[in-house]
N, C-alpha and C. Protein backbone atom coordinates (compact mmCIF):
# COMPACT_ATOMS: atom_id res chain seq x y z
N GLN A 1 -1.27 1.57 -23.65
CA GLN A 1 -1.21 1.85 -22.38
C GLN A 1 -1.54 0.32 -21.91
N VAL A 2 -1.00 -0.20 -20.63
CA VAL A 2 -0.91 -1.29 -20.19
C VAL A 2 -1.89 -1.34 -18.89
N GLN A 3 -2.80 -2.37 -18.42
CA GLN A 3 -3.46 -2.34 -17.26
C GLN A 3 -3.01 -3.37 -16.57
N LEU A 4 -2.81 -3.54 -15.37
CA LEU A 4 -2.13 -4.61 -14.68
C LEU A 4 -3.35 -4.76 -13.55
N VAL A 5 -3.77 -6.16 -13.35
CA VAL A 5 -4.64 -6.61 -12.22
C VAL A 5 -4.33 -7.80 -11.53
N GLU A 6 -4.16 -7.44 -10.22
CA GLU A 6 -3.51 -8.38 -9.47
C GLU A 6 -4.68 -9.09 -8.87
N SER A 7 -4.56 -10.27 -8.66
CA SER A 7 -5.70 -11.25 -7.86
C SER A 7 -4.88 -12.22 -7.06
N GLY A 8 -5.63 -13.02 -6.04
CA GLY A 8 -5.16 -14.14 -5.56
C GLY A 8 -4.66 -13.94 -4.13
N GLY A 9 -4.72 -12.72 -3.86
CA GLY A 9 -4.26 -12.49 -2.17
C GLY A 9 -5.12 -12.93 -1.24
N GLY A 10 -5.02 -13.01 -0.06
CA GLY A 10 -5.90 -13.36 1.07
C GLY A 10 -5.32 -13.36 2.14
N LEU A 11 -6.05 -14.12 3.15
CA LEU A 11 -5.59 -14.48 4.68
C LEU A 11 -4.97 -15.94 4.69
N VAL A 12 -3.72 -16.37 5.17
CA VAL A 12 -3.26 -17.62 5.00
C VAL A 12 -2.46 -17.65 6.42
N GLN A 13 -2.58 -19.16 7.00
CA GLN A 13 -1.81 -19.31 8.26
C GLN A 13 -0.23 -19.42 7.79
N ALA A 14 0.83 -19.29 8.65
CA ALA A 14 2.03 -19.47 8.49
C ALA A 14 2.47 -20.92 8.06
N GLY A 15 3.34 -20.89 6.82
CA GLY A 15 3.66 -22.24 6.27
C GLY A 15 2.71 -22.51 5.16
N GLY A 16 1.72 -21.77 4.80
CA GLY A 16 0.75 -22.04 3.93
C GLY A 16 1.26 -21.43 2.49
N SER A 17 0.33 -21.63 1.53
CA SER A 17 0.74 -21.25 0.26
C SER A 17 -0.27 -20.15 -0.44
N LEU A 18 0.13 -19.42 -1.40
CA LEU A 18 -0.82 -18.56 -2.12
C LEU A 18 -0.33 -18.38 -3.46
N ARG A 19 -1.13 -18.35 -4.71
CA ARG A 19 -0.77 -18.01 -6.00
C ARG A 19 -1.36 -16.50 -6.21
N LEU A 20 -0.41 -15.65 -6.72
CA LEU A 20 -0.95 -14.38 -7.18
C LEU A 20 -0.87 -14.35 -8.63
N SER A 21 -1.94 -13.79 -9.28
CA SER A 21 -1.64 -13.65 -10.70
C SER A 21 -1.81 -12.00 -11.11
N CYS A 22 -1.26 -12.11 -12.00
CA CYS A 22 -1.20 -10.53 -12.67
C CYS A 22 -1.76 -10.39 -14.26
N ALA A 23 -2.97 -10.18 -14.21
CA ALA A 23 -3.39 -10.20 -15.59
C ALA A 23 -3.04 -8.77 -16.36
N ALA A 24 -2.82 -8.81 -17.77
CA ALA A 24 -2.39 -7.58 -18.50
C ALA A 24 -3.31 -7.33 -19.51
N SER A 25 -3.63 -6.14 -19.89
CA SER A 25 -4.72 -5.91 -20.63
C SER A 25 -4.01 -4.49 -21.50
N GLY A 26 -5.22 -4.30 -22.51
CA GLY A 26 -4.63 -3.11 -23.14
C GLY A 26 -3.19 -3.15 -24.16
N ARG A 27 -2.18 -3.99 -23.63
CA ARG A 27 -1.29 -4.40 -24.67
C ARG A 27 -0.56 -5.72 -24.22
N THR A 28 0.13 -6.30 -25.09
CA THR A 28 0.67 -7.39 -24.39
C THR A 28 2.07 -7.11 -23.72
N VAL A 29 2.30 -7.94 -22.59
CA VAL A 29 3.32 -7.58 -21.87
C VAL A 29 4.41 -8.68 -22.15
N SER A 30 4.23 -9.45 -23.17
CA SER A 30 5.21 -10.50 -23.60
C SER A 30 6.57 -10.23 -23.62
N SER A 31 6.84 -9.07 -24.06
CA SER A 31 8.27 -8.23 -24.31
C SER A 31 8.64 -7.54 -23.09
N TYR A 32 7.98 -7.34 -22.18
CA TYR A 32 8.48 -6.61 -20.99
C TYR A 32 8.84 -7.34 -19.75
N VAL A 33 9.85 -6.97 -19.16
CA VAL A 33 10.11 -7.36 -17.71
C VAL A 33 8.84 -7.22 -16.84
N THR A 34 8.84 -8.14 -15.92
CA THR A 34 7.49 -8.19 -15.30
C THR A 34 8.22 -8.81 -13.84
N GLY A 35 7.61 -7.62 -12.96
CA GLY A 35 8.02 -7.92 -11.67
C GLY A 35 6.94 -7.80 -10.37
N TRP A 36 7.03 -8.28 -9.54
CA TRP A 36 6.45 -8.41 -8.19
C TRP A 36 7.36 -7.37 -6.91
N PHE A 37 6.42 -6.57 -6.38
CA PHE A 37 6.80 -5.57 -5.36
C PHE A 37 5.75 -5.89 -4.25
N ARG A 38 6.32 -5.60 -2.94
CA ARG A 38 5.48 -5.39 -1.83
C ARG A 38 6.03 -4.53 -0.86
N GLN A 39 4.53 -4.26 -0.14
CA GLN A 39 4.83 -2.95 0.81
C GLN A 39 3.74 -3.19 1.85
N ALA A 40 4.52 -3.40 3.18
CA ALA A 40 4.10 -3.68 4.15
C ALA A 40 3.73 -2.33 5.11
N PRO A 41 3.02 -2.11 5.96
CA PRO A 41 2.63 -0.91 6.61
C PRO A 41 3.92 -0.30 7.37
N GLY A 42 4.12 0.83 7.09
CA GLY A 42 5.06 1.71 7.55
C GLY A 42 6.61 1.29 7.00
N LYS A 43 6.66 0.61 5.74
CA LYS A 43 7.74 0.18 5.42
C LYS A 43 7.66 0.72 3.87
N GLU A 44 8.96 0.70 3.41
CA GLU A 44 9.01 0.99 1.84
C GLU A 44 8.75 -0.03 0.99
N ARG A 45 8.37 0.19 -0.27
CA ARG A 45 8.13 -0.80 -1.11
C ARG A 45 9.24 -1.55 -1.62
N GLU A 46 9.39 -2.88 -1.54
CA GLU A 46 10.61 -3.52 -2.04
C GLU A 46 10.15 -4.80 -2.98
N PHE A 47 11.26 -5.11 -3.64
CA PHE A 47 11.18 -5.83 -4.88
C PHE A 47 11.29 -7.25 -4.27
N VAL A 48 10.20 -7.98 -4.71
CA VAL A 48 10.07 -9.54 -4.20
C VAL A 48 10.75 -10.44 -5.46
N ALA A 49 10.39 -10.48 -6.62
CA ALA A 49 10.49 -11.34 -7.70
C ALA A 49 10.40 -10.52 -8.99
N GLY A 50 10.98 -11.12 -10.08
CA GLY A 50 11.00 -10.45 -11.45
C GLY A 50 11.30 -11.59 -12.66
N VAL A 51 11.02 -11.75 -13.78
CA VAL A 51 11.13 -12.44 -14.76
C VAL A 51 11.25 -11.60 -15.99
N ASN A 52 12.13 -11.91 -16.70
CA ASN A 52 12.60 -11.24 -18.25
C ASN A 52 11.56 -11.73 -19.06
N TRP A 53 11.83 -10.78 -20.24
CA TRP A 53 10.72 -11.16 -21.31
C TRP A 53 10.50 -12.42 -22.01
N SER A 54 11.68 -13.08 -21.80
CA SER A 54 11.54 -14.22 -22.27
C SER A 54 11.56 -15.62 -21.43
N ALA A 55 11.64 -15.02 -20.19
CA ALA A 55 11.49 -16.13 -18.87
C ALA A 55 12.60 -16.80 -18.94
N SER A 56 13.77 -16.57 -19.40
CA SER A 56 14.93 -17.15 -19.32
C SER A 56 15.56 -16.78 -18.13
N ARG A 57 15.19 -15.80 -17.38
CA ARG A 57 15.98 -15.37 -16.26
C ARG A 57 14.96 -14.80 -15.21
N THR A 58 15.12 -15.34 -13.95
CA THR A 58 14.39 -14.89 -12.91
C THR A 58 15.20 -14.28 -11.58
N ASP A 59 14.83 -13.41 -10.98
CA ASP A 59 15.52 -12.90 -9.91
C ASP A 59 14.53 -12.86 -8.61
N PHE A 60 15.08 -13.05 -7.48
CA PHE A 60 14.20 -13.01 -6.28
C PHE A 60 15.12 -12.19 -5.15
N ALA A 61 14.46 -11.48 -4.25
CA ALA A 61 14.68 -10.91 -3.06
C ALA A 61 15.22 -12.08 -2.29
N ASP A 62 16.23 -11.89 -1.30
CA ASP A 62 16.94 -12.96 -0.60
C ASP A 62 16.08 -13.45 0.38
N SER A 63 15.17 -12.60 0.90
CA SER A 63 13.99 -12.99 1.85
C SER A 63 13.17 -14.03 1.44
N VAL A 64 12.97 -14.16 -0.14
CA VAL A 64 11.93 -15.00 -0.55
C VAL A 64 12.51 -16.17 -1.35
N LYS A 65 13.88 -16.21 -1.48
CA LYS A 65 14.41 -17.15 -2.36
C LYS A 65 14.01 -18.51 -1.63
N GLY A 66 13.69 -19.57 -2.49
CA GLY A 66 13.48 -21.18 -2.29
C GLY A 66 12.15 -21.23 -1.97
N ARG A 67 11.31 -20.13 -1.43
CA ARG A 67 9.81 -20.27 -1.24
C ARG A 67 8.97 -19.69 -2.24
N PHE A 68 9.40 -18.69 -3.14
CA PHE A 68 8.67 -18.10 -3.98
C PHE A 68 9.05 -18.61 -5.44
N THR A 69 8.37 -18.54 -6.36
CA THR A 69 8.87 -18.91 -7.83
C THR A 69 8.03 -17.74 -8.51
N ILE A 70 8.19 -17.32 -9.59
CA ILE A 70 7.55 -16.42 -10.80
C ILE A 70 7.49 -17.37 -11.98
N SER A 71 6.43 -16.93 -12.71
CA SER A 71 6.33 -17.78 -14.24
C SER A 71 5.56 -16.70 -14.85
N ARG A 72 5.35 -17.10 -16.09
CA ARG A 72 4.39 -16.07 -17.03
C ARG A 72 3.81 -17.05 -18.10
N ASP A 73 2.81 -16.64 -18.60
CA ASP A 73 1.80 -17.40 -19.50
C ASP A 73 1.88 -16.46 -20.58
N TYR A 74 2.39 -16.72 -21.83
CA TYR A 74 2.22 -15.69 -22.92
C TYR A 74 0.87 -15.79 -23.61
N ALA A 75 0.48 -17.01 -23.37
CA ALA A 75 -1.02 -17.02 -24.14
C ALA A 75 -2.02 -16.16 -23.42
N LYS A 76 -2.02 -16.03 -22.23
CA LYS A 76 -3.10 -15.43 -21.06
C LYS A 76 -2.37 -14.06 -20.98
N ASN A 77 -1.21 -13.81 -21.32
CA ASN A 77 -0.58 -12.42 -21.03
C ASN A 77 -0.71 -12.36 -19.45
N ALA A 78 -0.09 -13.20 -18.76
CA ALA A 78 -0.22 -13.10 -17.39
C ALA A 78 0.94 -13.19 -16.86
N VAL A 79 1.23 -12.84 -15.51
CA VAL A 79 2.30 -13.32 -14.80
C VAL A 79 2.01 -13.95 -13.44
N TYR A 80 2.50 -14.97 -12.85
CA TYR A 80 2.23 -15.52 -11.60
C TYR A 80 3.10 -15.45 -10.62
N LEU A 81 2.80 -15.40 -9.55
CA LEU A 81 3.76 -15.38 -8.00
C LEU A 81 3.37 -16.67 -7.09
N GLN A 82 4.07 -17.64 -7.32
CA GLN A 82 3.61 -18.82 -6.41
C GLN A 82 4.52 -18.59 -5.04
N MET A 83 3.72 -18.49 -3.91
CA MET A 83 4.30 -18.33 -2.59
C MET A 83 4.21 -19.45 -1.83
N ASN A 84 5.13 -20.13 -1.18
CA ASN A 84 5.20 -21.33 -0.42
C ASN A 84 5.93 -21.07 0.89
N GLY A 85 5.50 -21.79 1.86
CA GLY A 85 6.26 -21.50 3.26
C GLY A 85 6.08 -20.10 3.74
N LEU A 86 4.95 -19.53 3.58
CA LEU A 86 4.62 -18.09 3.85
C LEU A 86 4.97 -17.95 5.36
N LYS A 87 5.35 -16.67 5.65
CA LYS A 87 5.60 -16.45 7.10
C LYS A 87 5.00 -14.98 7.41
N PRO A 88 4.71 -14.84 8.50
CA PRO A 88 3.97 -13.70 8.88
C PRO A 88 4.64 -12.35 8.42
N GLU A 89 5.73 -12.10 7.96
CA GLU A 89 6.73 -11.19 8.00
C GLU A 89 6.56 -11.07 6.09
N ASP A 90 6.01 -11.73 5.41
CA ASP A 90 5.36 -11.64 4.17
C ASP A 90 4.23 -10.89 4.00
N THR A 91 3.53 -10.73 5.11
CA THR A 91 2.51 -9.87 5.21
C THR A 91 2.67 -8.54 4.43
N ALA A 92 1.94 -8.10 3.43
CA ALA A 92 2.06 -6.71 2.66
C ALA A 92 1.16 -6.73 1.80
N VAL A 93 1.02 -5.44 0.89
CA VAL A 93 0.46 -5.39 -0.43
C VAL A 93 1.34 -5.66 -1.37
N TYR A 94 0.90 -6.72 -2.14
CA TYR A 94 1.75 -7.19 -3.29
C TYR A 94 1.36 -6.69 -4.56
N TYR A 95 2.35 -5.89 -5.42
CA TYR A 95 1.90 -5.15 -6.55
C TYR A 95 2.87 -5.94 -7.81
N CYS A 96 2.12 -5.83 -8.91
CA CYS A 96 2.56 -6.23 -10.08
C CYS A 96 3.26 -5.29 -10.76
N ALA A 97 4.33 -5.14 -11.72
CA ALA A 97 4.76 -4.07 -12.21
C ALA A 97 5.20 -4.55 -13.58
N ALA A 98 5.41 -3.58 -14.80
CA ALA A 98 5.98 -4.00 -15.94
C ALA A 98 7.01 -3.11 -16.38
N ASP A 99 8.22 -3.40 -16.87
CA ASP A 99 9.08 -2.69 -17.41
C ASP A 99 9.34 -2.70 -19.07
N GLN A 100 8.78 -1.63 -19.62
CA GLN A 100 8.88 -1.84 -20.89
C GLN A 100 9.93 -1.64 -21.85
N SER A 101 11.05 -1.26 -20.85
CA SER A 101 12.45 -0.80 -21.49
C SER A 101 13.49 -1.79 -21.42
N ARG A 102 13.71 -2.36 -20.27
CA ARG A 102 14.82 -3.17 -20.17
C ARG A 102 14.68 -4.48 -21.04
N ARG A 103 15.74 -4.70 -21.59
CA ARG A 103 16.10 -5.91 -22.58
C ARG A 103 17.04 -7.04 -22.07
N VAL A 104 17.74 -6.67 -21.13
CA VAL A 104 18.55 -7.46 -20.45
C VAL A 104 18.62 -7.51 -18.75
N GLY A 105 18.16 -8.72 -18.34
CA GLY A 105 18.13 -9.00 -16.95
C GLY A 105 16.87 -8.40 -16.31
N VAL A 106 16.81 -8.30 -15.04
CA VAL A 106 15.53 -7.89 -14.23
C VAL A 106 15.90 -6.55 -13.44
N SER A 107 15.37 -5.73 -13.17
CA SER A 107 15.56 -4.61 -12.32
C SER A 107 14.72 -4.86 -11.08
N PRO A 108 15.44 -4.60 -10.05
CA PRO A 108 15.09 -4.46 -8.38
C PRO A 108 14.49 -3.15 -8.23
N TRP A 109 14.68 -2.13 -9.14
CA TRP A 109 14.23 -0.76 -8.74
C TRP A 109 13.01 -0.63 -9.03
N ASP A 110 11.95 -0.04 -8.35
CA ASP A 110 10.55 0.37 -8.55
C ASP A 110 10.41 1.39 -9.60
N TYR A 111 11.51 2.31 -9.53
CA TYR A 111 11.57 3.65 -10.22
C TYR A 111 11.89 3.19 -11.96
N GLU A 112 12.23 2.07 -12.34
CA GLU A 112 12.39 1.65 -13.64
C GLU A 112 11.17 0.81 -14.29
N TYR A 113 9.91 0.74 -13.40
CA TYR A 113 8.76 0.02 -13.91
C TYR A 113 8.13 1.02 -14.58
N ASP A 114 7.36 1.02 -15.35
CA ASP A 114 6.51 1.85 -16.10
C ASP A 114 5.07 1.73 -16.07
N TYR A 115 4.62 0.49 -15.59
CA TYR A 115 3.29 0.19 -15.29
C TYR A 115 3.04 -0.48 -14.00
N TRP A 116 2.01 -0.30 -13.26
CA TRP A 116 1.75 -0.78 -12.01
C TRP A 116 0.25 -1.14 -11.90
N GLY A 117 -0.01 -2.49 -11.19
CA GLY A 117 -1.34 -2.66 -10.82
C GLY A 117 -1.68 -1.94 -9.38
N ARG A 118 -2.95 -2.06 -8.80
CA ARG A 118 -3.40 -1.49 -7.66
C ARG A 118 -3.00 -2.56 -6.33
N GLY A 119 -2.67 -3.70 -6.78
CA GLY A 119 -1.98 -4.65 -5.41
C GLY A 119 -3.16 -5.38 -4.91
N THR A 120 -2.60 -6.40 -4.17
CA THR A 120 -3.49 -7.48 -3.64
C THR A 120 -3.20 -7.91 -2.15
N GLN A 121 -3.66 -7.60 -0.88
CA GLN A 121 -3.43 -7.78 0.09
C GLN A 121 -3.12 -9.36 0.35
N VAL A 122 -1.77 -9.63 1.05
CA VAL A 122 -1.63 -10.82 1.38
C VAL A 122 -1.42 -10.73 3.06
N THR A 123 -2.10 -11.79 3.86
CA THR A 123 -1.84 -11.46 5.10
C THR A 123 -1.62 -12.79 5.76
N VAL A 124 -0.73 -12.94 6.48
CA VAL A 124 0.05 -14.34 6.98
C VAL A 124 -0.16 -14.30 8.49
N SER A 125 -0.92 -15.45 9.10
CA SER A 125 -1.24 -15.19 10.40
C SER A 125 -0.21 -16.42 11.08
N SER A 126 0.39 -15.81 12.23
CA SER A 126 1.21 -16.75 12.92
C SER A 126 0.52 -17.84 14.10
């Protein structure tokens, strides 16, 4: 079993930056695809970014390309989401998720992820 805990959320002004962390415990996620999703009030959960198990491939939603980066630290069993140039429309609860089955690429579909954190709130003021 894998436990994922997100941290780093908060309130920031438009144009600012935040770095979200996803700490895994219970089992190493070094061989898992790890992704970040977000859900704003009244909206469906959506894919934000993902990194494959070898960190050789990353994928991003069009809405965050060029502003967000994703990375992983194998020693710390953690994944990070660096968010720059934040916009009010980035306001949401951000979730970390791990896909233990995929070996090629990164899936943008939440139903393919096996483990989820509880989320961290990101609020961007205008």
